[in-house]
Amino acid sequence: MPVARSPEDICLQSASPKEKSFFLAVLCALARIDGDFKAGELRYIKELARRMKAEMSPQVFACSPEDCCRLAAEIKNRRLALELIKNMFILAYTDNEFTDSEGRFICDIGNALHIEPQKISQISSWIIDQIIWLEQKALIFEDTPPKGAVDNAKR
């Protein structure tokens, strides 16, 4: 029996190799923007690359924030652009610390993608709501919150 794929996975997997590379480069730049590329951030990016069926070439780690804005503008698929913003917020919250530099970079990328500030705010709120729900679930069911609770909010 074939495994059902989510709309997110279909969108990510149908991106061109160039779009996938841009997508991953932007996430790597975001992970570096606060000066510390953490292990949890790298795990998240590698798992996303696996879901996308994308190669993690060395150049995805070398892209500057300025170059990322230029490359992001090459993404013309609106759904893919929205997925990028969503994944940027998820990545930014993996260390439970959202910095001003991360917020500015997400807004810069959103601007390059022609995503309205209100839409970016909606995506941010949705991700935060997911994190809160996961934390509440852990309390209710007396679970230890999963390491990087945001990892489970990736969909």
N, C-alpha and C. Protein backbone atom coordinates (compact mmCIF):
# COMPACT_ATOMS: atom_id res chain seq x y z
N MET A 1 0.84 -1.17 0.00
CA MET A 1 0.00 0.00 0.00
C MET A 1 0.89 1.24 0.00
N PRO A 2 0.66 2.19 -0.92
CA PRO A 2 1.49 3.40 -0.97
C PRO A 2 1.27 4.26 0.26
N VAL A 3 2.34 4.92 0.68
CA VAL A 3 2.28 5.81 1.82
C VAL A 3 1.74 7.16 1.35
N ALA A 4 0.74 7.66 2.07
CA ALA A 4 0.18 8.98 1.73
C ALA A 4 1.20 10.06 2.07
N ARG A 5 1.37 10.98 1.17
CA ARG A 5 2.28 12.10 1.41
C ARG A 5 1.46 13.33 1.76
N SER A 6 1.99 14.13 2.66
CA SER A 6 1.31 15.35 3.06
C SER A 6 1.43 16.39 1.94
N PRO A 7 0.52 17.37 1.93
CA PRO A 7 0.63 18.46 0.94
C PRO A 7 1.98 19.18 1.05
N GLU A 8 2.51 19.27 2.28
CA GLU A 8 3.81 19.92 2.47
C GLU A 8 4.91 19.13 1.78
N ASP A 9 4.90 17.80 1.99
CA ASP A 9 5.93 16.97 1.37
C ASP A 9 5.82 16.99 -0.15
N ILE A 10 4.61 16.97 -0.66
CA ILE A 10 4.41 17.04 -2.11
C ILE A 10 4.99 18.33 -2.65
N CYS A 11 4.70 19.44 -1.97
CA CYS A 11 5.22 20.74 -2.39
C CYS A 11 6.75 20.75 -2.36
N LEU A 12 7.32 20.28 -1.26
CA LEU A 12 8.78 20.29 -1.10
C LEU A 12 9.46 19.38 -2.12
N GLN A 13 8.90 18.21 -2.35
CA GLN A 13 9.51 17.25 -3.26
C GLN A 13 9.36 17.66 -4.72
N SER A 14 8.33 18.44 -5.03
CA SER A 14 8.12 18.84 -6.43
C SER A 14 8.93 20.08 -6.81
N ALA A 15 9.61 20.68 -5.85
CA ALA A 15 10.47 21.83 -6.16
C ALA A 15 11.62 21.38 -7.06
N SER A 16 12.10 22.30 -7.85
CA SER A 16 13.24 21.98 -8.71
C SER A 16 14.50 21.81 -7.85
N PRO A 17 15.52 21.13 -8.37
CA PRO A 17 16.77 21.01 -7.60
C PRO A 17 17.34 22.36 -7.20
N LYS A 18 17.22 23.34 -8.07
CA LYS A 18 17.72 24.68 -7.77
C LYS A 18 16.92 25.31 -6.62
N GLU A 19 15.59 25.18 -6.66
CA GLU A 19 14.75 25.71 -5.58
C GLU A 19 15.06 25.01 -4.25
N LYS A 20 15.26 23.71 -4.30
CA LYS A 20 15.60 22.97 -3.08
C LYS A 20 16.92 23.47 -2.50
N SER A 21 17.87 23.72 -3.37
CA SER A 21 19.17 24.23 -2.92
C SER A 21 19.01 25.61 -2.29
N PHE A 22 18.23 26.50 -2.93
CA PHE A 22 17.98 27.83 -2.37
C PHE A 22 17.32 27.72 -1.01
N PHE A 23 16.31 26.86 -0.92
CA PHE A 23 15.54 26.64 0.30
C PHE A 23 16.48 26.25 1.45
N LEU A 24 17.34 25.26 1.19
CA LEU A 24 18.26 24.79 2.22
C LEU A 24 19.32 25.83 2.56
N ALA A 25 19.79 26.58 1.56
CA ALA A 25 20.78 27.63 1.81
C ALA A 25 20.21 28.70 2.73
N VAL A 26 18.96 29.07 2.52
CA VAL A 26 18.32 30.08 3.37
C VAL A 26 18.23 29.56 4.80
N LEU A 27 17.85 28.31 4.97
CA LEU A 27 17.76 27.75 6.32
C LEU A 27 19.13 27.70 7.00
N CYS A 28 20.15 27.34 6.25
CA CYS A 28 21.50 27.31 6.83
C CYS A 28 21.96 28.71 7.23
N ALA A 29 21.65 29.70 6.42
CA ALA A 29 22.00 31.08 6.77
C ALA A 29 21.26 31.52 8.03
N LEU A 30 19.99 31.14 8.13
CA LEU A 30 19.22 31.47 9.33
C LEU A 30 19.85 30.81 10.56
N ALA A 31 20.27 29.57 10.43
CA ALA A 31 20.87 28.86 11.57
C ALA A 31 22.15 29.56 12.02
N ARG A 32 22.87 30.19 11.10
CA ARG A 32 24.12 30.89 11.43
C ARG A 32 23.92 32.33 11.88
N ILE A 33 22.74 32.90 11.63
CA ILE A 33 22.54 34.34 11.79
C ILE A 33 22.77 34.83 13.21
N ASP A 34 22.52 33.97 14.20
CA ASP A 34 22.74 34.40 15.58
C ASP A 34 24.13 34.03 16.07
N GLY A 35 25.00 33.60 15.15
CA GLY A 35 26.39 33.34 15.49
C GLY A 35 26.70 31.94 15.95
N ASP A 36 25.67 31.08 16.06
CA ASP A 36 25.90 29.74 16.59
C ASP A 36 25.02 28.74 15.85
N PHE A 37 25.62 27.91 15.01
CA PHE A 37 24.90 26.88 14.26
C PHE A 37 24.82 25.66 15.18
N LYS A 38 23.69 25.46 15.81
CA LYS A 38 23.53 24.42 16.82
C LYS A 38 23.23 23.05 16.20
N ALA A 39 23.56 22.00 16.95
CA ALA A 39 23.36 20.63 16.48
C ALA A 39 21.89 20.36 16.15
N GLY A 40 20.98 20.87 16.98
CA GLY A 40 19.55 20.66 16.73
C GLY A 40 19.09 21.31 15.43
N GLU A 41 19.68 22.47 15.12
CA GLU A 41 19.35 23.15 13.87
C GLU A 41 19.84 22.34 12.67
N LEU A 42 21.04 21.80 12.78
CA LEU A 42 21.58 20.98 11.70
C LEU A 42 20.74 19.72 11.51
N ARG A 43 20.34 19.09 12.61
CA ARG A 43 19.48 17.90 12.51
C ARG A 43 18.18 18.24 11.79
N TYR A 44 17.58 19.38 12.15
CA TYR A 44 16.32 19.78 11.52
C TYR A 44 16.52 19.97 10.01
N ILE A 45 17.57 20.66 9.61
CA ILE A 45 17.82 20.93 8.19
C ILE A 45 18.09 19.62 7.44
N LYS A 46 18.86 18.73 8.03
CA LYS A 46 19.15 17.45 7.37
C LYS A 46 17.89 16.61 7.22
N GLU A 47 17.04 16.60 8.23
CA GLU A 47 15.78 15.85 8.15
C GLU A 47 14.88 16.45 7.07
N LEU A 48 14.83 17.77 7.01
CA LEU A 48 14.02 18.42 5.98
C LEU A 48 14.57 18.11 4.59
N ALA A 49 15.88 18.11 4.44
CA ALA A 49 16.49 17.77 3.14
C ALA A 49 16.12 16.34 2.75
N ARG A 50 16.09 15.44 3.73
CA ARG A 50 15.69 14.06 3.45
C ARG A 50 14.24 14.01 2.98
N ARG A 51 13.36 14.74 3.67
CA ARG A 51 11.95 14.77 3.28
C ARG A 51 11.77 15.39 1.89
N MET A 52 12.61 16.36 1.57
CA MET A 52 12.54 17.02 0.26
C MET A 52 13.14 16.17 -0.84
N LYS A 53 13.93 15.16 -0.44
CA LYS A 53 14.71 14.38 -1.39
C LYS A 53 15.72 15.29 -2.09
N ALA A 54 16.43 16.06 -1.26
CA ALA A 54 17.40 17.05 -1.76
C ALA A 54 18.79 16.71 -1.27
N GLU A 55 19.77 17.12 -2.05
CA GLU A 55 21.18 16.94 -1.68
C GLU A 55 21.62 18.11 -0.79
N MET A 56 22.43 17.78 0.21
CA MET A 56 23.01 18.81 1.08
C MET A 56 24.42 19.11 0.57
N SER A 57 24.50 19.90 -0.48
CA SER A 57 25.80 20.24 -1.05
C SER A 57 26.52 21.26 -0.15
N PRO A 58 27.84 21.30 -0.21
CA PRO A 58 28.59 22.23 0.65
C PRO A 58 28.20 23.70 0.45
N GLN A 59 27.78 24.08 -0.76
CA GLN A 59 27.44 25.48 -1.00
C GLN A 59 26.21 25.95 -0.23
N VAL A 60 25.34 25.03 0.22
CA VAL A 60 24.18 25.47 1.00
C VAL A 60 24.62 26.03 2.36
N PHE A 61 25.82 25.67 2.80
CA PHE A 61 26.33 26.16 4.08
C PHE A 61 27.09 27.47 3.95
N ALA A 62 27.37 27.91 2.73
CA ALA A 62 28.24 29.06 2.52
C ALA A 62 27.53 30.32 2.08
N CYS A 63 26.24 30.29 1.94
CA CYS A 63 25.49 31.42 1.40
C CYS A 63 25.32 32.51 2.46
N SER A 64 25.65 33.74 2.08
CA SER A 64 25.49 34.87 2.99
C SER A 64 24.01 35.27 3.06
N PRO A 65 23.60 35.95 4.12
CA PRO A 65 22.21 36.41 4.20
C PRO A 65 21.80 37.27 3.00
N GLU A 66 22.71 38.11 2.54
CA GLU A 66 22.40 38.97 1.39
C GLU A 66 22.17 38.14 0.13
N ASP A 67 23.06 37.15 -0.09
CA ASP A 67 22.89 36.27 -1.25
C ASP A 67 21.61 35.45 -1.12
N CYS A 68 21.27 35.05 0.10
CA CYS A 68 20.04 34.28 0.31
C CYS A 68 18.81 35.07 -0.10
N CYS A 69 18.80 36.37 0.18
CA CYS A 69 17.66 37.19 -0.23
C CYS A 69 17.53 37.21 -1.75
N ARG A 70 18.67 37.31 -2.42
CA ARG A 70 18.67 37.30 -3.89
C ARG A 70 18.19 35.93 -4.41
N LEU A 71 18.70 34.86 -3.81
CA LEU A 71 18.32 33.51 -4.24
C LEU A 71 16.85 33.21 -3.93
N ALA A 72 16.39 33.65 -2.77
CA ALA A 72 14.99 33.40 -2.39
C ALA A 72 14.05 34.03 -3.40
N ALA A 73 14.43 35.17 -3.95
CA ALA A 73 13.58 35.85 -4.94
C ALA A 73 13.38 34.99 -6.19
N GLU A 74 14.24 33.99 -6.38
CA GLU A 74 14.11 33.08 -7.52
C GLU A 74 12.99 32.06 -7.32
N ILE A 75 12.50 31.92 -6.09
CA ILE A 75 11.42 30.97 -5.81
C ILE A 75 10.11 31.64 -6.21
N LYS A 76 9.50 31.15 -7.24
CA LYS A 76 8.27 31.76 -7.78
C LYS A 76 7.00 31.04 -7.33
N ASN A 77 7.14 29.82 -6.84
CA ASN A 77 6.00 29.03 -6.39
C ASN A 77 5.55 29.56 -5.03
N ARG A 78 4.36 30.12 -4.95
CA ARG A 78 3.88 30.74 -3.71
C ARG A 78 3.83 29.73 -2.56
N ARG A 79 3.33 28.52 -2.81
CA ARG A 79 3.24 27.53 -1.74
C ARG A 79 4.63 27.18 -1.21
N LEU A 80 5.60 27.04 -2.10
CA LEU A 80 6.97 26.75 -1.68
C LEU A 80 7.53 27.91 -0.86
N ALA A 81 7.22 29.12 -1.28
CA ALA A 81 7.68 30.30 -0.53
C ALA A 81 7.09 30.31 0.88
N LEU A 82 5.80 29.98 0.99
CA LEU A 82 5.16 29.92 2.31
C LEU A 82 5.76 28.81 3.16
N GLU A 83 6.08 27.69 2.54
CA GLU A 83 6.73 26.57 3.25
C GLU A 83 8.10 27.00 3.76
N LEU A 84 8.81 27.81 2.98
CA LEU A 84 10.11 28.28 3.42
C LEU A 84 9.96 29.15 4.67
N ILE A 85 9.02 30.08 4.65
CA ILE A 85 8.81 30.94 5.82
C ILE A 85 8.41 30.09 7.03
N LYS A 86 7.52 29.13 6.83
CA LYS A 86 7.11 28.25 7.93
C LYS A 86 8.32 27.52 8.51
N ASN A 87 9.14 26.95 7.65
CA ASN A 87 10.30 26.20 8.12
C ASN A 87 11.35 27.10 8.74
N MET A 88 11.42 28.35 8.31
CA MET A 88 12.33 29.30 8.95
C MET A 88 11.90 29.54 10.39
N PHE A 89 10.60 29.73 10.62
CA PHE A 89 10.12 29.93 11.99
C PHE A 89 10.36 28.68 12.84
N ILE A 90 10.08 27.52 12.29
CA ILE A 90 10.31 26.28 13.05
C ILE A 90 11.78 26.19 13.43
N LEU A 91 12.66 26.43 12.47
CA LEU A 91 14.10 26.37 12.73
C LEU A 91 14.51 27.41 13.78
N ALA A 92 13.98 28.61 13.68
CA ALA A 92 14.34 29.67 14.63
C ALA A 92 13.95 29.31 16.06
N TYR A 93 12.91 28.52 16.21
CA TYR A 93 12.45 28.13 17.55
C TYR A 93 13.06 26.82 18.05
N THR A 94 13.88 26.14 17.26
CA THR A 94 14.42 24.85 17.71
C THR A 94 15.26 24.98 18.97
N ASP A 95 15.88 26.12 19.16
CA ASP A 95 16.71 26.30 20.37
C ASP A 95 15.94 27.05 21.47
N ASN A 96 14.63 27.20 21.28
CA ASN A 96 13.77 27.89 22.25
C ASN A 96 14.18 29.34 22.50
N GLU A 97 14.87 29.93 21.54
CA GLU A 97 15.29 31.33 21.65
C GLU A 97 15.16 31.98 20.28
N PHE A 98 14.22 32.90 20.17
CA PHE A 98 14.00 33.60 18.90
C PHE A 98 14.66 34.97 19.01
N THR A 99 15.69 35.21 18.21
CA THR A 99 16.45 36.45 18.31
C THR A 99 15.95 37.51 17.32
N ASP A 100 16.30 38.76 17.60
CA ASP A 100 15.94 39.85 16.70
C ASP A 100 16.55 39.63 15.32
N SER A 101 17.79 39.14 15.28
CA SER A 101 18.45 38.92 13.99
C SER A 101 17.71 37.84 13.18
N GLU A 102 17.21 36.82 13.85
CA GLU A 102 16.42 35.80 13.15
C GLU A 102 15.13 36.41 12.61
N GLY A 103 14.46 37.21 13.42
CA GLY A 103 13.22 37.85 12.99
C GLY A 103 13.43 38.77 11.79
N ARG A 104 14.50 39.56 11.84
CA ARG A 104 14.79 40.46 10.71
C ARG A 104 15.09 39.67 9.43
N PHE A 105 15.85 38.59 9.57
CA PHE A 105 16.20 37.79 8.40
C PHE A 105 14.96 37.13 7.80
N ILE A 106 14.08 36.62 8.64
CA ILE A 106 12.84 36.03 8.14
C ILE A 106 12.02 37.08 7.40
N CYS A 107 11.94 38.28 7.95
CA CYS A 107 11.20 39.35 7.27
C CYS A 107 11.86 39.74 5.95
N ASP A 108 13.20 39.78 5.92
CA ASP A 108 13.92 40.09 4.68
C ASP A 108 13.63 39.04 3.61
N ILE A 109 13.65 37.77 4.01
CA ILE A 109 13.37 36.69 3.05
C ILE A 109 11.91 36.78 2.61
N GLY A 110 11.00 37.02 3.55
CA GLY A 110 9.58 37.18 3.20
C GLY A 110 9.38 38.30 2.20
N ASN A 111 10.09 39.40 2.38
CA ASN A 111 10.01 40.52 1.45
C ASN A 111 10.52 40.11 0.06
N ALA A 112 11.64 39.38 0.03
CA ALA A 112 12.19 38.92 -1.25
C ALA A 112 11.23 37.96 -1.95
N LEU A 113 10.45 37.22 -1.16
CA LEU A 113 9.48 36.27 -1.71
C LEU A 113 8.13 36.91 -2.02
N HIS A 114 8.00 38.21 -1.72
CA HIS A 114 6.75 38.96 -1.91
C HIS A 114 5.62 38.40 -1.05
N ILE A 115 5.97 38.02 0.17
CA ILE A 115 4.97 37.54 1.13
C ILE A 115 4.62 38.71 2.04
N GLU A 116 3.34 38.95 2.17
CA GLU A 116 2.85 40.08 2.95
C GLU A 116 3.23 39.92 4.42
N PRO A 117 3.56 41.04 5.09
CA PRO A 117 3.89 40.99 6.52
C PRO A 117 2.80 40.33 7.37
N GLN A 118 1.54 40.56 7.01
CA GLN A 118 0.44 39.95 7.76
C GLN A 118 0.49 38.42 7.63
N LYS A 119 0.82 37.92 6.45
CA LYS A 119 0.92 36.47 6.25
C LYS A 119 2.08 35.91 7.06
N ILE A 120 3.20 36.62 7.08
CA ILE A 120 4.35 36.18 7.88
C ILE A 120 3.96 36.11 9.36
N SER A 121 3.23 37.10 9.82
CA SER A 121 2.76 37.12 11.20
C SER A 121 1.83 35.94 11.49
N GLN A 122 0.95 35.64 10.55
CA GLN A 122 0.04 34.49 10.71
C GLN A 122 0.82 33.18 10.84
N ILE A 123 1.82 33.02 10.01
CA ILE A 123 2.63 31.80 10.05
C ILE A 123 3.35 31.71 11.39
N SER A 124 3.93 32.81 11.84
CA SER A 124 4.61 32.83 13.13
C SER A 124 3.66 32.44 14.26
N SER A 125 2.47 33.02 14.27
CA SER A 125 1.48 32.71 15.32
C SER A 125 1.09 31.24 15.27
N TRP A 126 0.94 30.70 14.09
CA TRP A 126 0.55 29.29 13.94
C TRP A 126 1.63 28.38 14.51
N ILE A 127 2.89 28.68 14.24
CA ILE A 127 4.00 27.88 14.77
C ILE A 127 4.04 27.98 16.30
N ILE A 128 3.90 29.18 16.83
CA ILE A 128 3.90 29.37 18.28
C ILE A 128 2.75 28.60 18.92
N ASP A 129 1.58 28.64 18.29
CA ASP A 129 0.43 27.87 18.81
C ASP A 129 0.74 26.38 18.85
N GLN A 130 1.41 25.87 17.82
CA GLN A 130 1.78 24.44 17.81
C GLN A 130 2.72 24.11 18.96
N ILE A 131 3.67 24.98 19.22
CA ILE A 131 4.62 24.76 20.31
C ILE A 131 3.87 24.72 21.64
N ILE A 132 2.95 25.65 21.83
CA ILE A 132 2.17 25.69 23.07
C ILE A 132 1.35 24.41 23.23
N TRP A 133 0.71 23.97 22.16
CA TRP A 133 -0.09 22.74 22.22
C TRP A 133 0.78 21.54 22.59
N LEU A 134 1.97 21.46 22.04
CA LEU A 134 2.86 20.34 22.35
C LEU A 134 3.31 20.38 23.82
N GLU A 135 3.56 21.59 24.31
CA GLU A 135 3.94 21.72 25.72
C GLU A 135 2.77 21.35 26.63
N GLN A 136 1.56 21.75 26.26
CA GLN A 136 0.37 21.40 27.05
C GLN A 136 0.15 19.89 27.04
N LYS A 137 0.33 19.26 25.91
CA LYS A 137 0.19 17.80 25.80
C LYS A 137 1.15 17.11 26.75
N ALA A 138 2.39 17.58 26.77
CA ALA A 138 3.39 16.97 27.64
C ALA A 138 2.99 17.11 29.11
N LEU A 139 2.43 18.25 29.49
CA LEU A 139 1.97 18.43 30.86
C LEU A 139 0.78 17.55 31.18
N ILE A 140 -0.19 17.52 30.30
CA ILE A 140 -1.40 16.74 30.53
C ILE A 140 -1.09 15.26 30.67
N PHE A 141 -0.26 14.75 29.78
CA PHE A 141 0.04 13.32 29.77
C PHE A 141 1.30 12.97 30.57
N GLU A 142 1.79 13.98 31.32
CA GLU A 142 2.94 13.79 32.21
C GLU A 142 4.15 13.24 31.47
N ASP A 143 4.30 13.73 30.26
CA ASP A 143 5.46 13.35 29.44
C ASP A 143 6.58 14.34 29.69
N THR A 144 7.76 13.88 29.40
CA THR A 144 8.87 14.80 29.35
C THR A 144 8.77 15.48 28.00
N PRO A 145 8.77 16.82 27.97
CA PRO A 145 8.67 17.46 26.65
C PRO A 145 9.77 16.97 25.73
N PRO A 146 9.41 16.69 24.47
CA PRO A 146 10.44 16.22 23.54
C PRO A 146 11.53 17.26 23.38
N LYS A 147 12.74 16.78 23.26
CA LYS A 147 13.86 17.70 23.06
C LYS A 147 13.60 18.51 21.81
N GLY A 148 13.59 19.82 21.95
CA GLY A 148 13.24 20.68 20.81
C GLY A 148 11.82 20.43 20.39
N ALA A 149 10.86 20.70 21.29
CA ALA A 149 9.45 20.41 21.03
C ALA A 149 9.00 20.89 19.67
N VAL A 150 9.65 21.89 19.16
CA VAL A 150 9.28 22.42 17.85
C VAL A 150 9.56 21.41 16.73
N ASP A 151 10.46 20.46 16.98
CA ASP A 151 10.73 19.44 15.95
C ASP A 151 9.46 18.73 15.52
N ASN A 152 8.54 18.55 16.47
CA ASN A 152 7.28 17.87 16.15
C ASN A 152 6.28 18.78 15.47
N ALA A 153 6.55 20.07 15.42
CA ALA A 153 5.63 21.02 14.81
C ALA A 153 5.97 21.26 13.35
N LYS A 154 6.84 20.47 12.78
CA LYS A 154 7.32 20.76 11.43
C LYS A 154 6.29 20.59 10.36
N ARG A 155 5.16 20.03 10.66
CA ARG A 155 4.15 19.84 9.62
C ARG A 155 2.98 20.68 9.85
